[in-house]
C-alpha atoms as a PDB file:
ATOM      1  CA  MET A   1       0.000   0.000   0.000  1.00  0.00           C
ATOM      2  CA  GLN A   2       2.795   2.418   0.843  1.00  0.00           C
ATOM      3  CA  GLU A   3       4.313   1.908  -2.586  1.00  0.00           C
ATOM      4  CA  LYS A   4       1.039   3.010  -4.217  1.00  0.00           C
ATOM      5  CA  ILE A   5       0.840   6.083  -1.960  1.00  0.00           C
ATOM      6  CA  ILE A   6       4.417   7.079  -2.783  1.00  0.00           C
ATOM      7  CA  GLU A   7       3.864   6.480  -6.490  1.00  0.00           C
ATOM      8  CA  THR A   8       0.744   8.716  -6.479  1.00  0.00           C
ATOM      9  CA  PHE A   9       2.446  11.470  -4.509  1.00  0.00           C
ATOM     10  CA  LYS A  10       5.544  11.510  -6.708  1.00  0.00           C
ATOM     11  CA  ALA A  11       3.386  11.607  -9.836  1.00  0.00           C
ATOM     12  CA  TYR A  12       1.492  14.576  -8.378  1.00  0.00           C
ATOM     13  CA  THR A  13       4.713  16.385  -7.426  1.00  0.00           C
ATOM     14  CA  HIS A  14       6.233  15.932 -10.869  1.00  0.00           C
ATOM     15  CA  ALA A  15       3.012  17.072 -12.563  1.00  0.00           C
ATOM     16  CA  LEU A  16       2.785  20.151 -10.313  1.00  0.00           C
ATOM     17  CA  TYR A  17       6.308  21.343 -11.017  1.00  0.00           C
ATOM     18  CA  ARG A  18       6.262  20.640 -14.782  1.00  0.00           C
ATOM     19  CA  PRO A  19       3.368  21.814 -14.790  1.00  0.00           C
ATOM     20  CA  ASP A  20       0.968  19.183 -16.193  1.00  0.00           C
ATOM     21  CA  TRP A  21      -2.389  20.461 -14.972  1.00  0.00           C
ATOM     22  CA  ASP A  22      -4.523  17.547 -16.152  1.00  0.00           C
ATOM     23  CA  ALA A  23      -2.368  15.189 -14.099  1.00  0.00           C
ATOM     24  CA  VAL A  24      -2.368  17.584 -11.133  1.00  0.00           C
ATOM     25  CA  ILE A  25      -6.162  17.821 -11.024  1.00  0.00           C
ATOM     26  CA  ALA A  26      -6.497  14.047 -11.458  1.00  0.00           C
ATOM     27  CA  SER A  27      -4.284  13.561  -8.385  1.00  0.00           C
ATOM     28  CA  LEU A  28      -6.191  15.970  -6.105  1.00  0.00           C
ATOM     29  CA  TYR A  29      -9.008  14.899  -3.799  1.00  0.00           C
ATOM     30  CA  PRO A  30     -12.176  16.019  -5.700  1.00  0.00           C
ATOM     31  CA  PRO A  31     -14.076  17.434  -2.660  1.00  0.00           C
ATOM     32  CA  ASP A  32     -11.011  19.615  -1.914  1.00  0.00           C
ATOM     33  CA  VAL A  33     -11.072  21.036  -5.434  1.00  0.00           C
ATOM     34  CA  LEU A  34     -14.753  21.954  -5.037  1.00  0.00           C
ATOM     35  CA  LYS A  35     -14.141  23.433  -1.588  1.00  0.00           C
ATOM     36  CA  LEU A  36     -11.239  25.563  -2.855  1.00  0.00           C
ATOM     37  CA  HIS A  37     -13.473  27.161  -5.481  1.00  0.00           C
ATOM     38  CA  THR A  38     -16.450  27.590  -3.137  1.00  0.00           C
ATOM     39  CA  VAL A  39     -14.502  29.164  -0.279  1.00  0.00           C
ATOM     40  CA  CYS A  40     -12.426  31.479  -2.467  1.00  0.00           C
ATOM     41  CA  THR A  41     -15.426  32.832  -4.391  1.00  0.00           C
ATOM     42  CA  ALA A  42     -17.310  33.324  -1.116  1.00  0.00           C
ATOM     43  CA  LEU A  43     -14.301  35.163   0.256  1.00  0.00           C
ATOM     44  CA  MET A  44     -14.185  37.490  -2.765  1.00  0.00           C
ATOM     45  CA  ASP A  45     -17.837  38.444  -2.263  1.00  0.00           C
ATOM     46  CA  LEU A  46     -17.261  38.971   1.448  1.00  0.00           C
ATOM     47  CA  ILE A  47     -14.311  41.335   1.097  1.00  0.00           C
ATOM     48  CA  SER A  48     -15.458  43.175  -2.040  1.00  0.00           C
ATOM     49  CA  PRO A  49     -17.003  46.204  -0.232  1.00  0.00           C
ATOM     50  CA  PHE A  50     -13.743  46.708   1.631  1.00  0.00           C
ATOM     51  CA  GLY A  51     -11.448  46.869  -1.389  1.00  0.00           C
ATOM     52  CA  GLU A  52      -9.618  43.646  -0.605  1.00  0.00           C
ATOM     53  CA  GLN A  53     -10.999  41.864  -3.649  1.00  0.00           C
ATOM     54  CA  LYS A  54      -8.523  43.627  -5.931  1.00  0.00           C
ATOM     55  CA  GLU A  55      -5.648  42.495  -3.721  1.00  0.00           C
ATOM     56  CA  PHE A  56      -7.007  38.935  -3.762  1.00  0.00           C
ATOM     57  CA  LEU A  57      -7.083  38.925  -7.576  1.00  0.00           C
ATOM     58  CA  ARG A  58      -3.313  39.537  -7.659  1.00  0.00           C
ATOM     59  CA  PHE A  59      -2.950  35.791  -7.127  1.00  0.00           C
ATOM     60  CA  PHE A  60      -4.693  35.088 -10.436  1.00  0.00           C
ATOM     61  CA  PRO A  61      -2.555  36.377 -13.332  1.00  0.00           C
ATOM     62  CA  GLY A  62      -4.488  37.971 -16.171  1.00  0.00           C
ATOM     63  CA  VAL A  63      -7.819  38.007 -14.306  1.00  0.00           C
ATOM     64  CA  GLU A  64      -9.265  41.430 -13.503  1.00  0.00           C
ATOM     65  CA  ASN A  65     -12.963  40.590 -13.286  1.00  0.00           C
ATOM     66  CA  PRO A  66     -14.099  38.512 -10.268  1.00  0.00           C
ATOM     67  CA  GLU A  67     -17.119  37.288 -12.211  1.00  0.00           C
ATOM     68  CA  ALA A  68     -14.747  35.483 -14.575  1.00  0.00           C
ATOM     69  CA  ILE A  69     -13.471  33.431 -11.657  1.00  0.00           C
ATOM     70  CA  LYS A  70     -16.980  32.611 -10.431  1.00  0.00           C
ATOM     71  CA  SER A  71     -17.923  31.239 -13.837  1.00  0.00           C
ATOM     72  CA  LEU A  72     -15.028  28.759 -13.879  1.00  0.00           C
ATOM     73  CA  THR A  73     -15.480  25.111 -13.046  1.00  0.00           C
ATOM     74  CA  PRO A  74     -13.831  24.072  -9.756  1.00  0.00           C
ATOM     75  CA  GLU A  75     -11.164  22.213 -11.749  1.00  0.00           C
ATOM     76  CA  ALA A  76     -10.379  25.240 -13.937  1.00  0.00           C
ATOM     77  CA  PHE A  77     -10.265  27.436 -10.860  1.00  0.00           C
ATOM     78  CA  ALA A  78      -7.814  25.055  -9.161  1.00  0.00           C
ATOM     79  CA  VAL A  79      -5.554  25.221 -12.224  1.00  0.00           C
ATOM     80  CA  LEU A  80      -5.671  29.033 -12.120  1.00  0.00           C
ATOM     81  CA  PHE A  81      -4.969  29.052  -8.395  1.00  0.00           C
ATOM     82  CA  LEU A  82      -2.041  26.624  -8.556  1.00  0.00           C
ATOM     83  CA  SER A  83      -0.537  28.042 -11.751  1.00  0.00           C
ATOM     84  CA  GLY A  84      -0.483  31.506 -10.155  1.00  0.00           C
ATOM     85  CA  ALA A  85       1.629  30.097  -7.340  1.00  0.00           C
ATOM     86  CA  MET A  86       3.879  28.082  -9.654  1.00  0.00           C
ATOM     87  CA  ASN A  87       4.577  31.082 -11.892  1.00  0.00           C
ATOM     88  CA  LYS A  88       6.804  32.337  -9.098  1.00  0.00           C
ATOM     89  CA  VAL A  89       9.074  29.288  -9.371  1.00  0.00           C
ATOM     90  CA  ALA A  90      11.740  29.425 -12.080  1.00  0.00           C
ATOM     91  CA  LYS A  91      12.016  26.455 -14.459  1.00  0.00           C
ATOM     92  CA  GLU A  92      15.510  25.565 -13.208  1.00  0.00           C
ATOM     93  CA  GLN A  93      14.234  25.577  -9.646  1.00  0.00           C
ATOM     94  CA  ARG A  94      11.290  23.354 -10.579  1.00  0.00           C
ATOM     95  CA  ILE A  95      13.698  20.781 -12.024  1.00  0.00           C
ATOM     96  CA  GLN A  96      15.774  20.893  -8.844  1.00  0.00           C
ATOM     97  CA  LEU A  97      12.688  20.417  -6.681  1.00  0.00           C
ATOM     98  CA  ILE A  98      11.637  17.363  -8.678  1.00  0.00           C
ATOM     99  CA  GLU A  99      15.103  15.830  -8.686  1.00  0.00           C
ATOM    100  CA  THR A 100      15.782  16.367  -4.978  1.00  0.00           C
ATOM    101  CA  THR A 101      12.375  15.476  -3.477  1.00  0.00           C
ATOM    102  CA  SER A 102      12.643  12.448  -1.213  1.00  0.00           C
ATOM    103  CA  ILE A 103      10.032  10.620   0.861  1.00  0.00           C
ATOM    104  CA  ASP A 104      11.159  10.473   4.489  1.00  0.00           C
ATOM    105  CA  ARG A 105       8.192   8.780   6.122  1.00  0.00           C
ATOM    106  CA  VAL A 106       4.713   7.414   5.262  1.00  0.00           C
ATOM    107  CA  THR A 107       2.150   6.931   8.043  1.00  0.00           C
ATOM    108  CA  VAL A 108      -1.113   5.151   7.160  1.00  0.00           C
ATOM    109  CA  SER A 109      -4.245   5.185   9.308  1.00  0.00           C
ATOM    110  CA  GLY A 110      -7.298   3.617   7.704  1.00  0.00           C
ATOM    111  CA  ASN A 111      -8.176   5.598   4.577  1.00  0.00           C
ATOM    112  CA  HIS A 112      -5.764   8.406   5.426  1.00  0.00           C
ATOM    113  CA  ALA A 113      -2.018   8.719   4.966  1.00  0.00           C
ATOM    114  CA  GLN A 114       0.539  11.337   5.904  1.00  0.00           C
ATOM    115  CA  ILE A 115       3.751  11.769   3.969  1.00  0.00           C
ATOM    116  CA  ALA A 116       6.826  13.496   5.350  1.00  0.00           C
ATOM    117  CA  TYR A 117       9.042  14.634   2.491  1.00  0.00           C
ATOM    118  CA  SER A 118      11.931  16.973   1.835  1.00  0.00           C
ATOM    119  CA  PHE A 119      13.617  18.761  -1.050  1.00  0.00           C
ATOM    120  CA  LEU A 120      16.384  21.274  -1.731  1.00  0.00           C
ATOM    121  CA  MET A 121      15.446  24.922  -2.235  1.00  0.00           C
ATOM    122  CA  SER A 122      17.726  27.533  -3.819  1.00  0.00           C
ATOM    123  CA  MET A 123      17.318  31.185  -2.920  1.00  0.00           C
ATOM    124  CA  GLU A 124      19.666  34.120  -3.413  1.00  0.00           C
ATOM    125  CA  GLY A 125      22.556  31.814  -4.270  1.00  0.00           C
ATOM    126  CA  GLU A 126      22.098  29.548  -1.251  1.00  0.00           C
ATOM    127  CA  THR A 127      20.743  25.991  -1.235  1.00  0.00           C
ATOM    128  CA  PHE A 128      19.056  24.587   1.850  1.00  0.00           C
ATOM    129  CA  PRO A 129      16.790  21.625   2.734  1.00  0.00           C
ATOM    130  CA  VAL A 130      13.046  22.108   3.259  1.00  0.00           C
ATOM    131  CA  ASP A 131      10.878  19.648   5.199  1.00  0.00           C
ATOM    132  CA  ARG A 132       7.152  19.364   4.451  1.00  0.00           C
ATOM    133  CA  GLU A 133       4.189  17.101   5.136  1.00  0.00           C
ATOM    134  CA  ALA A 134       1.297  16.148   2.867  1.00  0.00           C
ATOM    135  CA  ASP A 135      -2.015  14.413   3.542  1.00  0.00           C
ATOM    136  CA  MET A 136      -3.617  11.811   1.299  1.00  0.00           C
ATOM    137  CA  VAL A 137      -6.950  10.025   1.334  1.00  0.00           C
ATOM    138  CA  LEU A 138      -8.196   6.744  -0.165  1.00  0.00           C
ATOM    139  CA  GLU A 139     -11.539   6.862  -1.964  1.00  0.00           C
ATOM    140  CA  ASN A 140     -13.046   4.162  -4.182  1.00  0.00           C
ATOM    141  CA  GLY A 141      -9.722   2.379  -4.339  1.00  0.00           C
ATOM    142  CA  THR A 142      -7.750   5.465  -5.456  1.00  0.00           C
ATOM    143  CA  TRP A 143      -5.332   7.535  -3.388  1.00  0.00           C
ATOM    144  CA  TYR A 144      -5.671  11.306  -3.732  1.00  0.00           C
ATOM    145  CA  VAL A 145      -3.521  14.198  -2.513  1.00  0.00           C
ATOM    146  CA  ARG A 146      -5.259  16.638  -0.166  1.00  0.00           C
ATOM    147  CA  ILE A 147      -4.987  20.377  -0.842  1.00  0.00           C
ATOM    148  CA  ARG A 148      -3.334  22.024   2.136  1.00  0.00           C
ATOM    149  CA  ALA A 149      -5.966  23.091   4.695  1.00  0.00           C
ATOM    150  CA  GLY A 150      -6.642  26.610   5.903  1.00  0.00           C
ATOM    151  CA  PHE A 151      -9.181  28.146   3.538  1.00  0.00           C
ATOM    152  CA  ASP A 152     -12.075  27.906   5.994  1.00  0.00           C
ATOM    153  CA  GLN A 153      -9.956  29.609   8.651  1.00  0.00           C
ATOM    154  CA  VAL A 154      -9.158  32.500   6.287  1.00  0.00           C
ATOM    155  CA  LEU A 155     -12.839  32.922   5.447  1.00  0.00           C
ATOM    156  CA  GLU A 156     -13.777  32.781   9.124  1.00  0.00           C
ATOM    157  CA  ARG A 157     -11.129  35.357  10.080  1.00  0.00           C
ATOM    158  CA  PHE A 158     -12.377  37.847   7.495  1.00  0.00           C
ATOM    159  CA  GLN A 159     -15.980  37.199   8.543  1.00  0.00           C
ATOM    160  CA  GLN A 160     -15.124  37.951  12.175  1.00  0.00           C
ATOM    161  CA  ASP A 161     -13.376  41.193  11.232  1.00  0.00           C
ATOM    162  CA  ILE A 162     -16.314  42.288   9.070  1.00  0.00           C
ATOM    163  CA  ASP A 163     -18.873  41.382  11.749  1.00  0.00           C
ATOM    164  CA  LEU A 164     -16.891  43.406  14.292  1.00  0.00           C
ATOM    165  CA  TYR A 165     -16.690  46.348  11.876  1.00  0.00           C
ATOM    166  CA  ASN A 166     -20.441  46.282  11.184  1.00  0.00           C
ATOM    167  CA  ASP A 167     -21.301  45.847  14.860  1.00  0.00           C
ATOM    168  CA  ARG A 168     -19.317  48.946  15.794  1.00  0.00           C
ATOM    169  CA  LYS A 169     -20.724  50.838  12.827  1.00  0.00           C
ATOM    170  CA  SER A 170     -24.253  50.152  14.080  1.00  0.00           C
ATOM    171  CA  LYS A 171     -23.398  52.068  17.279  1.00  0.00           C
ATOM    172  CA  ASP A 172     -22.492  55.330  15.537  1.00  0.00           C
ATOM    173  CA  HIS A 173     -24.133  58.518  16.793  1.00  0.00           C
ATOM    174  CA  ILE A 174     -24.708  60.468  13.613  1.00  0.00           C
ATOM    175  CA  PRO A 175     -25.864  64.043  14.387  1.00  0.00           C
ATOM    176  CA  LYS A 176     -29.052  65.233  12.708  1.00  0.00           C
ATOM    177  CA  GLU A 177     -27.411  68.470  11.656  1.00  0.00           C
ATOM    178  CA  PRO A 178     -24.308  68.395   9.397  1.00  0.00           C
ATOM    179  CA  VAL A 179     -21.024  69.189  11.140  1.00  0.00           C
ATOM    180  CA  ASP A 180     -17.889  70.940   9.940  1.00  0.00           C
ATOM    181  CA  ASP A 181     -14.817  68.942   8.930  1.00  0.00           C
ATOM    182  CA  ASP A 182     -12.876  70.310  11.887  1.00  0.00           C
ATOM    183  CA  ASP A 183     -15.505  69.093  14.351  1.00  0.00           C
ATOM    184  CA  LEU A 184     -14.724  65.415  13.719  1.00  0.00           C
ATOM    185  CA  LYS A 185     -11.398  64.401  15.225  1.00  0.00           C
ATOM    186  CA  PRO A 186      -9.867  60.915  15.095  1.00  0.00           C
ATOM    187  CA  PHE A 187      -8.893  59.363  18.407  1.00  0.00           C
ATOM    188  CA  ALA A 188      -6.474  56.660  19.486  1.00  0.00           C
ATOM    189  CA  LEU A 189      -8.844  53.737  18.955  1.00  0.00           C
ATOM    190  CA  TYR A 190      -9.436  54.907  15.385  1.00  0.00           C
ATOM    191  CA  GLY A 191     -12.954  56.189  15.520  1.00  0.00           C
ATOM    192  CA  TYR A 192     -14.198  59.773  15.544  1.00  0.00           C
ATOM    193  CA  ARG A 193     -15.584  61.942  18.338  1.00  0.00           C
ATOM    194  CA  SER A 194     -17.007  65.439  18.337  1.00  0.00           C
ATOM    195  CA  TRP A 195     -14.428  68.090  19.139  1.00  0.00           C
ATOM    196  CA  GLU A 196     -17.119  70.231  20.732  1.00  0.00           C
ATOM    197  CA  THR A 197     -18.925  67.685  22.917  1.00  0.00           C
ATOM    198  CA  GLY A 198     -16.366  64.858  23.201  1.00  0.00           C
ATOM    199  CA  ARG A 199     -19.081  62.350  22.318  1.00  0.00           C
ATOM    200  CA  THR A 200     -18.156  59.435  20.049  1.00  0.00           C
ATOM    201  CA  VAL A 201     -19.713  59.944  16.623  1.00  0.00           C
ATOM    202  CA  LEU A 202     -18.158  57.090  14.641  1.00  0.00           C
ATOM    203  CA  GLU A 203     -17.363  54.010  16.695  1.00  0.00           C
ATOM    204  CA  PRO A 204     -13.742  52.751  16.521  1.00  0.00           C
ATOM    205  CA  ARG A 205     -13.432  50.245  13.698  1.00  0.00           C
ATOM    206  CA  PHE A 206     -10.517  51.482  11.570  1.00  0.00           C
ATOM    207  CA  LYS A 207      -6.890  50.340  11.618  1.00  0.00           C
ATOM    208  CA  SER A 208      -5.909  53.982  11.175  1.00  0.00           C
ATOM    209  CA  ALA A 209      -7.846  57.180  10.644  1.00  0.00           C
ATOM    210  CA  GLY A 210      -6.943  60.571   9.236  1.00  0.00           C
ATOM    211  CA  VAL A 211      -8.539  63.969   9.683  1.00  0.00           C
ATOM    212  CA  PHE A 212     -11.608  64.980   7.703  1.00  0.00           C
ATOM    213  CA  SER A 213     -10.949  67.362   4.849  1.00  0.00           C
ATOM    214  CA  GLU A 214     -13.433  68.438   2.197  1.00  0.00           C
ATOM    215  CA  GLY A 215     -15.979  66.101   3.768  1.00  0.00           C
ATOM    216  CA  LEU A 216     -13.903  62.909   3.562  1.00  0.00           C
ATOM    217  CA  ALA A 217     -11.321  61.184   5.773  1.00  0.00           C
ATOM    218  CA  ALA A 218      -8.695  58.607   4.845  1.00  0.00           C
ATOM    219  CA  VAL A 219      -8.988  55.374   6.847  1.00  0.00           C
ATOM    220  CA  SER A 220      -7.509  51.916   6.604  1.00  0.00           C
ATOM    221  CA  ILE A 221      -9.723  48.826   6.703  1.00  0.00           C
ATOM    222  CA  PHE A 222      -7.930  45.477   6.719  1.00  0.00           C
ATOM    223  CA  SER A 223      -4.780  46.141   4.673  1.00  0.00           C
ATOM    224  CA  LYS A 224      -5.788  49.019   2.394  1.00  0.00           C
ATOM    225  CA  PHE A 225      -6.681  52.716   2.612  1.00  0.00           C
ATOM    226  CA  GLY A 226      -9.842  54.389   1.355  1.00  0.00           C
ATOM    227  CA  TYR A 227     -12.128  57.235   2.418  1.00  0.00           C
ATOM    228  CA  ILE A 228     -15.283  57.574   4.523  1.00  0.00           C
ATOM    229  CA  ASP A 229     -17.827  60.365   4.692  1.00  0.00           C
ATOM    230  CA  LYS A 230     -19.129  61.973   7.873  1.00  0.00           C
ATOM    231  CA  GLN A 231     -21.924  59.403   8.078  1.00  0.00           C
ATOM    232  CA  GLY A 232     -19.293  56.696   8.515  1.00  0.00           C
ATOM    233  CA  GLU A 233     -20.035  55.206   5.092  1.00  0.00           C
ATOM    234  CA  ILE A 234     -17.318  54.138   2.682  1.00  0.00           C
ATOM    235  CA  ALA A 235     -17.156  56.900   0.068  1.00  0.00           C
ATOM    236  CA  ILE A 236     -14.088  55.652  -1.815  1.00  0.00           C
ATOM    237  CA  LYS A 237     -13.346  51.935  -1.654  1.00  0.00           C
ATOM    238  CA  PRO A 238     -10.149  51.023   0.248  1.00  0.00           C
ATOM    239  CA  GLU A 239      -7.772  49.986  -2.530  1.00  0.00           C
ATOM    240  CA  PHE A 240      -4.649  52.019  -1.808  1.00  0.00           C
ATOM    241  CA  VAL A 241      -1.348  51.350  -0.057  1.00  0.00           C
ATOM    242  CA  SER A 242      -1.574  54.820   1.523  1.00  0.00           C
ATOM    243  CA  ALA A 243      -3.926  57.795   1.355  1.00  0.00           C
ATOM    244  CA  GLU A 244      -3.646  61.407   2.514  1.00  0.00           C
ATOM    245  CA  ALA A 245      -6.120  64.197   3.235  1.00  0.00           C
ATOM    246  CA  PHE A 246      -7.842  66.064   0.414  1.00  0.00           C
ATOM    247  CA  SER A 247      -6.513  69.466  -0.539  1.00  0.00           C
ATOM    248  CA  GLU A 248      -7.907  71.607  -3.344  1.00  0.00           C
ATOM    249  CA  GLY A 249     -10.084  68.725  -4.491  1.00  0.00           C
ATOM    250  CA  LEU A 250      -7.303  66.129  -4.782  1.00  0.00           C
ATOM    251  CA  ALA A 251      -5.618  63.684  -2.402  1.00  0.00           C
ATOM    252  CA  VAL A 252      -2.298  61.851  -2.568  1.00  0.00           C
ATOM    253  CA  VAL A 253      -2.677  58.080  -2.761  1.00  0.00           C
ATOM    254  CA  SER A 254      -0.231  55.285  -3.559  1.00  0.00           C
ATOM    255  CA  LEU A 255      -0.281  51.885  -5.246  1.00  0.00           C
ATOM    256  CA  TYR A 256       2.352  49.253  -5.973  1.00  0.00           C
ATOM    257  CA  ASP A 257       3.608  49.051  -9.555  1.00  0.00           C
ATOM    258  CA  ASP A 258       4.475  45.803 -11.361  1.00  0.00           C
ATOM    259  CA  ALA A 259       7.874  45.743  -9.654  1.00  0.00           C
ATOM    260  CA  HIS A 260       6.148  46.156  -6.270  1.00  0.00           C
ATOM    261  CA  HIS A 261       7.513  49.692  -5.840  1.00  0.00           C
ATOM    262  CA  GLU A 262       5.187  52.137  -4.123  1.00  0.00           C
ATOM    263  CA  LYS A 263       4.199  54.955  -6.483  1.00  0.00           C
ATOM    264  CA  TYR A 264       2.191  58.089  -5.697  1.00  0.00           C
ATOM    265  CA  GLY A 265      -0.535  59.861  -7.640  1.00  0.00           C
ATOM    266  CA  TYR A 266      -3.710  61.896  -7.077  1.00  0.00           C
ATOM    267  CA  LEU A 267      -7.351  60.996  -6.558  1.00  0.00           C
ATOM    268  CA  ASN A 268     -10.431  63.226  -6.823  1.00  0.00           C
ATOM    269  CA  ARG A 269     -13.445  63.107  -4.497  1.00  0.00           C
ATOM    270  CA  ALA A 270     -15.307  60.878  -6.945  1.00  0.00           C
ATOM    271  CA  GLY A 271     -12.635  58.216  -6.410  1.00  0.00           C
ATOM    272  CA  GLU A 272     -11.062  58.704  -9.832  1.00  0.00           C
ATOM    273  CA  LEU A 273      -7.292  58.615 -10.308  1.00  0.00           C
ATOM    274  CA  VAL A 274      -6.790  61.895 -12.162  1.00  0.00           C
ATOM    275  CA  ILE A 275      -2.980  61.692 -11.966  1.00  0.00           C
ATOM    276  CA  ALA A 276      -1.754  58.092 -12.191  1.00  0.00           C
ATOM    277  CA  PRO A 277       0.586  56.822  -9.458  1.00  0.00           C
ATOM    278  CA  GLN A 278       4.035  57.400 -10.964  1.00  0.00           C
ATOM    279  CA  TYR A 279       6.039  59.446  -8.464  1.00  0.00           C
ATOM    280  CA  GLU A 280       8.471  58.342  -5.759  1.00  0.00           C
ATOM    281  CA  ALA A 281       6.820  60.755  -3.303  1.00  0.00           C
ATOM    282  CA  ALA A 282       4.189  63.484  -3.446  1.00  0.00           C
ATOM    283  CA  SER A 283       2.637  66.214  -1.326  1.00  0.00           C
ATOM    284  CA  GLY A 284      -0.808  67.775  -1.333  1.00  0.00           C
ATOM    285  CA  PHE A 285      -1.827  70.632  -3.597  1.00  0.00           C
ATOM    286  CA  SER A 286      -1.363  74.147  -2.275  1.00  0.00           C
ATOM    287  CA  GLU A 287      -1.952  77.329  -4.247  1.00  0.00           C
ATOM    288  CA  GLY A 288      -2.615  75.195  -7.331  1.00  0.00           C
ATOM    289  CA  LEU A 289       0.740  73.356  -7.274  1.00  0.00           C
ATOM    290  CA  ALA A 290       2.009  70.144  -5.676  1.00  0.00           C
ATOM    291  CA  ALA A 291       5.558  68.988  -5.049  1.00  0.00           C
ATOM    292  CA  VAL A 292       6.359  65.526  -6.467  1.00  0.00           C
ATOM    293  CA  LYS A 293       9.546  63.468  -6.527  1.00  0.00           C
ATOM    294  CA  GLN A 294      10.940  61.698  -9.578  1.00  0.00           C
ATOM    295  CA  ASP A 295      14.357  60.096 -10.103  1.00  0.00           C
ATOM    296  CA  GLY A 296      15.454  61.373  -6.703  1.00  0.00           C
ATOM    297  CA  LEU A 297      14.590  65.042  -7.280  1.00  0.00           C
ATOM    298  CA  TRP A 298      11.549  67.195  -6.543  1.00  0.00           C
ATOM    299  CA  GLY A 299       9.553  69.421  -8.872  1.00  0.00           C
ATOM    300  CA  TYR A 300       6.019  70.838  -9.074  1.00  0.00           C
ATOM    301  CA  ILE A 301       2.953  69.849 -11.093  1.00  0.00           C
ATOM    302  CA  THR A 302      -0.485  71.334 -11.753  1.00  0.00           C
ATOM    303  CA  PRO A 303      -3.816  69.587 -10.954  1.00  0.00           C
ATOM    304  CA  SER A 304      -3.881  68.290 -14.533  1.00  0.00           C
ATOM    305  CA  GLY A 305      -0.541  66.519 -13.974  1.00  0.00           C
ATOM    306  CA  LYS A 306       1.438  68.949 -16.127  1.00  0.00           C
ATOM    307  CA  GLU A 307       4.976  69.741 -15.015  1.00  0.00           C
ATOM    308  CA  LYS A 308       5.096  73.381 -13.917  1.00  0.00           C
ATOM    309  CA  ILE A 309       8.530  73.618 -12.281  1.00  0.00           C
ATOM    310  CA  GLY A 310      11.228  71.130 -13.281  1.00  0.00           C
ATOM    311  CA  PHE A 311      12.754  68.438 -11.090  1.00  0.00           C
ATOM    312  CA  HIS A 312      15.739  70.324  -9.702  1.00  0.00           C
ATOM    313  CA  PHE A 313      15.366  70.167  -5.911  1.00  0.00           C
ATOM    314  CA  LEU A 314      16.604  67.934  -3.110  1.00  0.00           C
ATOM    315  CA  GLU A 315      13.627  69.042  -1.010  1.00  0.00           C
ATOM    316  CA  ALA A 316      10.511  71.016  -1.917  1.00  0.00           C
ATOM    317  CA  GLY A 317       7.952  72.562   0.419  1.00  0.00           C
ATOM    318  CA  ASP A 318       4.350  73.597  -0.168  1.00  0.00           C
ATOM    319  CA  PHE A 319       3.549  76.976  -1.672  1.00  0.00           C
ATOM    320  CA  MET A 320       2.450  79.437   0.979  1.00  0.00           C
ATOM    321  CA  GLY A 321       1.057  82.450  -0.781  1.00  0.00           C
ATOM    322  CA  LYS A 322       3.204  83.020  -3.846  1.00  0.00           C
ATOM    323  CA  THR A 323       6.423  81.275  -2.749  1.00  0.00           C
ATOM    324  CA  ALA A 324       7.800  77.951  -1.539  1.00  0.00           C
ATOM    325  CA  GLN A 325      10.970  76.875   0.264  1.00  0.00           C
ATOM    326  CA  VAL A 326      13.253  74.467  -1.617  1.00  0.00           C
ATOM    327  CA  THR A 327      16.686  72.914  -1.137  1.00  0.00           C
ATOM    328  CA  VAL A 328      19.241  72.606  -3.955  1.00  0.00           C
ATOM    329  CA  ALA A 329      22.652  70.956  -4.229  1.00  0.00           C
ATOM    330  CA  THR A 330      25.686  73.246  -4.459  1.00  0.00           C
ATOM    331  CA  GLU A 331      29.435  72.728  -4.659  1.00  0.00           C
ATOM    332  CA  ASP A 332      29.584  73.406  -0.928  1.00  0.00           C
ATOM    333  CA  GLY A 333      26.744  71.062  -0.006  1.00  0.00           C
ATOM    334  CA  GLU A 334      23.096  72.130   0.172  1.00  0.00           C
ATOM    335  CA  LYS A 335      21.379  75.509   0.095  1.00  0.00           C
ATOM    336  CA  GLU A 336      17.846  76.596   0.966  1.00  0.00           C
ATOM    337  CA  LEU A 337      16.106  78.958  -1.436  1.00  0.00           C
ATOM    338  CA  GLU A 338      12.738  80.608  -1.861  1.00  0.00           C
ATOM    339  CA  ILE A 339      11.120  80.323  -5.294  1.00  0.00           C
ATOM    340  CA  ASP A 340       8.038  81.775  -6.947  1.00  0.00           C
ATOM    341  CA  ARG A 341       5.386  79.919  -8.951  1.00  0.00           C
ATOM    342  CA  LYS A 342       7.569  80.049 -12.060  1.00  0.00           C
ATOM    343  CA  GLY A 343      10.503  78.421 -10.251  1.00  0.00           C
ATOM    344  CA  LYS A 344      12.543  81.637 -10.074  1.00  0.00           C
ATOM    345  CA  VAL A 345      14.530  82.419  -6.925  1.00  0.00           C
ATOM    346  CA  VAL A 346      13.156  85.386  -4.991  1.00  0.00           C
ATOM    347  CA  GLY A 347      14.508  87.435  -2.123  1.00  0.00           C
END
């Protein structure tokens, strides 16, 4: 019996790292394949209002529409799921994993078996052994490999966080009369209380919370930043790595690019990216200009994204009135200057 278990597991391992998806799916325990699809699609629906769905889709190369995933068969979904993970493993490394995988122990208990195995992993020029365990199950005379457990726990964890969020939201004390931006102040537990009365208005439910500006406040929910209105409702879905306060109708937000570098751009109050994330750093608009950093130097752009003052500065402050403070490199080190809206030194 152990020989059959080892034969099935090795066939699965070789198929996974080739990859031969028909053979992979044939080796997996069918109820696990169905469960993988069911739990993951349920999870996408659950986290969609909180902006996490977009992050979840990163694991599925080439898929931007969640509905496309829902329409897949469980087997096709499993292929998409596993191929996304395997795309991160170089071909040479796959060959090494196949060639070095060894079965260390097989433990059989009724219709279940556990395999302890090991292989050599190369990373950053170093090779080291990795020990793993896999579960298998016998059904209708055939041994199948179990997909690693944990999906239900992920779904449950998100559900608990969302239930807690909604429970706290239900306890908000929304005033009948509209309040000024400055009246709502974030406090340490990441809710909002009235500056005037000290009474909690929005119950604490955010991982971080910024000040209200132009009727919206940047908050983080789960792992991403978005914006809420003064009713505590999500006004702009949390989809950003970071988000700043609105100024002159625009707010600085950031996203990761394809190389996983954080890039900064500008969002309007409708949630539209009017200046695509492309800068190494950025500040809010002031007097119609914003300082942005590119290739290690700062310059200034207009609300349309047009370069107004070139990228010449080591540091660049906000415009206050008609001038801004900047720092430039000189032969003797650094020098602080004051410039006007055309970039000319004044004073």
